[in-house]
Amino acid sequence: MRNPVQTLRGTSWDAFRRAFPQRPEPLYVRQGVIEAPYEQVLSLLTTARAGKASQDNAFLLNPKGVPDGVELRGGPTRFGVGHGTVDADPERGLFAIQGGWWYRGEYTVKPHEKGALLTLRVYNVAADKRVLVPLVQFGMDQAVTDGFDQALADIRAFLG
């Protein structure tokens, strides 16, 4: 069982402190190495086009290719999806998901000596009620870690 103080660490108190930065700072940052050719990882993660999300289209929205009705509208680099947006920019090595009233998750891919370095940065992009974001942060630190670890595992499994 986790200590209650550990549960709060990295969640609402830290999020509240970061709600008023001088410049936009990510609420959470996670990184991991994918031991596969950089170009292959870049292509997998930044390929997006209008249509159904799948393993070869917006991989991070639907990494296992399970049909779930996720449909991308628009393009070529910005797409509507549900109540949010997806940005896919191979030149910047960026795949970003923005939704709800505050969340923006930016995945970036950079070359690494072992293949590719994947970084996730989660931002508070709330235009209104920015100070309320920390109230929804309980458990978010662990959720971001678990989600990022699962994304890494899915990418590694897909690329072999």
Protein backbone atom coordinates (compact mmCIF):
# COMPACT_ATOMS: atom_id res chain seq x y z
CA MET A 1 0.00 0.00 0.00
CA ARG A 2 1.31 3.43 -0.93
CA ASN A 3 1.95 6.06 1.68
CA PRO A 4 -0.68 8.88 1.38
CA VAL A 5 2.10 11.46 1.09
CA GLN A 6 3.55 9.52 -1.86
CA THR A 7 0.12 9.50 -3.47
CA LEU A 8 -0.03 13.31 -3.28
CA ARG A 9 3.57 13.76 -4.44
CA GLY A 10 3.64 14.70 -8.11
CA THR A 11 -0.10 15.26 -8.22
CA SER A 12 -2.27 18.13 -7.04
CA TRP A 13 0.21 20.13 -4.94
CA ASP A 14 2.89 20.08 -7.63
CA ALA A 15 0.27 20.73 -10.30
CA PHE A 16 -1.03 23.73 -8.35
CA ARG A 17 2.50 25.13 -8.07
CA ARG A 18 2.95 24.71 -11.82
CA ALA A 19 -0.44 26.23 -12.68
CA PHE A 20 1.06 29.74 -12.69
CA PRO A 21 4.42 29.45 -14.42
CA GLN A 22 6.18 32.42 -15.99
CA ARG A 23 6.44 30.33 -19.14
CA PRO A 24 4.53 27.17 -20.02
CA GLU A 25 6.12 24.20 -18.29
CA PRO A 26 4.99 20.61 -18.59
CA LEU A 27 3.12 19.16 -15.63
CA TYR A 28 4.69 15.76 -16.28
CA VAL A 29 7.64 14.52 -18.34
CA ARG A 30 8.47 10.89 -19.11
CA GLN A 31 11.21 9.47 -21.37
CA GLY A 32 12.19 6.09 -22.72
CA VAL A 33 14.45 4.59 -25.37
CA ILE A 34 13.14 2.44 -28.20
CA GLU A 35 15.84 0.19 -29.63
CA ALA A 36 14.78 0.41 -33.27
CA PRO A 37 15.90 2.59 -36.17
CA TYR A 38 15.01 6.22 -35.51
CA GLU A 39 13.41 6.71 -38.95
CA GLN A 40 11.15 3.69 -38.39
CA VAL A 41 9.99 4.96 -34.98
CA LEU A 42 9.51 8.50 -36.33
CA SER A 43 7.38 7.24 -39.21
CA LEU A 44 5.28 5.00 -36.96
CA LEU A 45 4.54 7.75 -34.43
CA THR A 46 4.00 10.74 -36.72
CA THR A 47 2.04 9.12 -39.56
CA ALA A 48 -1.50 10.42 -39.55
CA ARG A 49 -4.17 10.99 -42.17
CA ALA A 50 -7.91 11.44 -42.16
CA GLY A 51 -9.72 8.21 -41.45
CA LYS A 52 -9.81 5.47 -38.86
CA ALA A 53 -6.94 5.27 -36.37
CA SER A 54 -5.00 2.02 -36.72
CA GLN A 55 -1.50 0.61 -36.43
CA ASP A 56 -0.49 2.43 -39.61
CA ASN A 57 -2.43 5.64 -38.93
CA ALA A 58 -2.04 7.61 -35.70
CA PHE A 59 -0.49 4.63 -33.92
CA LEU A 60 -0.55 6.26 -30.46
CA LEU A 61 -4.34 6.64 -30.63
CA ASN A 62 -4.86 2.96 -31.32
CA PRO A 63 -1.58 1.02 -30.88
CA LYS A 64 -3.08 -2.46 -30.99
CA GLY A 65 -5.30 -1.73 -33.97
CA VAL A 66 -8.41 -2.63 -31.99
CA PRO A 67 -11.45 -1.26 -33.84
CA ASP A 68 -12.92 1.37 -31.56
CA GLY A 69 -14.31 3.96 -33.94
CA VAL A 70 -11.58 6.58 -33.44
CA GLU A 71 -11.84 8.70 -36.57
CA LEU A 72 -9.44 11.50 -37.57
CA ARG A 73 -10.91 14.44 -39.51
CA GLY A 74 -8.97 17.06 -41.44
CA GLY A 75 -5.22 17.10 -41.96
CA PRO A 76 -2.56 17.10 -43.17
CA THR A 77 -0.87 17.94 -39.82
CA ARG A 78 -3.82 18.87 -37.55
CA PHE A 79 -6.81 16.60 -37.11
CA GLY A 80 -10.05 16.69 -35.19
CA VAL A 81 -10.76 13.60 -33.12
CA GLY A 82 -13.74 13.33 -30.77
CA HIS A 83 -13.76 16.52 -28.68
CA GLY A 84 -10.08 17.21 -29.23
CA THR A 85 -7.28 17.54 -31.72
CA VAL A 86 -4.27 15.58 -32.89
CA ASP A 87 -1.12 17.14 -34.32
CA ALA A 88 1.25 14.97 -36.33
CA ASP A 89 4.42 16.68 -37.56
CA PRO A 90 7.22 14.41 -38.84
CA GLU A 91 9.57 17.38 -39.38
CA ARG A 92 9.44 18.20 -35.66
CA GLY A 93 9.14 14.55 -34.60
CA LEU A 94 5.88 15.43 -32.84
CA PHE A 95 2.63 13.64 -32.15
CA ALA A 96 0.31 15.59 -29.80
CA ILE A 97 -3.11 14.82 -28.38
CA GLN A 98 -5.21 17.65 -26.95
CA GLY A 99 -8.60 17.15 -25.38
CA GLY A 100 -10.93 18.07 -22.62
CA TRP A 101 -10.50 21.53 -21.19
CA TRP A 102 -6.91 21.34 -19.99
CA TYR A 103 -4.93 18.36 -21.37
CA ARG A 104 -2.24 18.39 -24.05
CA GLY A 105 0.14 15.44 -24.31
CA GLU A 106 3.11 15.93 -26.66
CA TYR A 107 5.17 12.94 -27.73
CA THR A 108 8.47 13.79 -29.40
CA VAL A 109 10.94 11.45 -31.06
CA LYS A 110 14.65 12.25 -31.25
CA PRO A 111 17.61 10.19 -32.45
CA HIS A 112 19.40 8.25 -29.69
CA GLU A 113 22.58 6.15 -29.79
CA LYS A 114 20.43 3.03 -29.24
CA GLY A 115 17.67 4.05 -31.66
CA ALA A 116 15.04 6.62 -30.71
CA LEU A 117 14.30 8.62 -27.57
CA LEU A 118 10.57 9.05 -26.93
CA THR A 119 9.55 11.89 -24.61
CA LEU A 120 6.06 12.66 -23.33
CA ARG A 121 5.29 16.10 -21.96
CA VAL A 122 1.86 16.82 -20.50
CA TYR A 123 0.78 20.48 -20.43
CA ASN A 124 -2.03 22.44 -18.80
CA VAL A 125 -3.53 24.32 -21.76
CA ALA A 126 -6.69 25.50 -20.00
CA ALA A 127 -7.73 28.91 -21.26
CA ASP A 128 -10.24 29.40 -18.46
CA LYS A 129 -10.24 28.08 -14.91
CA ARG A 130 -6.55 27.18 -15.16
CA VAL A 131 -6.27 27.09 -11.36
CA LEU A 132 -8.87 24.31 -11.19
CA VAL A 133 -6.63 21.88 -13.07
CA PRO A 134 -4.80 20.76 -9.89
CA LEU A 135 -8.12 19.55 -8.51
CA VAL A 136 -8.23 16.83 -11.18
CA GLN A 137 -4.60 15.82 -10.67
CA PHE A 138 -5.00 13.21 -7.91
CA GLY A 139 -3.44 10.03 -9.25
CA MET A 140 -2.46 11.69 -12.53
CA ASP A 141 1.27 11.18 -11.94
CA GLN A 142 0.78 7.41 -11.80
CA ALA A 143 -1.68 7.46 -14.70
CA VAL A 144 0.85 9.31 -16.90
CA THR A 145 3.62 6.89 -15.90
CA ASP A 146 1.45 3.83 -16.54
CA GLY A 147 0.17 5.19 -19.87
CA PHE A 148 3.66 6.07 -21.06
CA ASP A 149 5.05 2.68 -20.01
CA GLN A 150 2.19 0.98 -21.90
CA ALA A 151 2.86 3.11 -25.00
CA LEU A 152 6.55 2.14 -24.90
CA ALA A 153 5.63 -1.54 -24.53
CA ASP A 154 3.13 -1.33 -27.43
CA ILE A 155 5.66 0.40 -29.71
CA ARG A 156 8.43 -2.08 -28.83
CA ALA A 157 6.11 -5.04 -29.37
CA PHE A 158 4.91 -3.70 -32.72
CA LEU A 159 8.45 -3.02 -33.96
CA GLY A 160 9.77 -6.31 -32.61
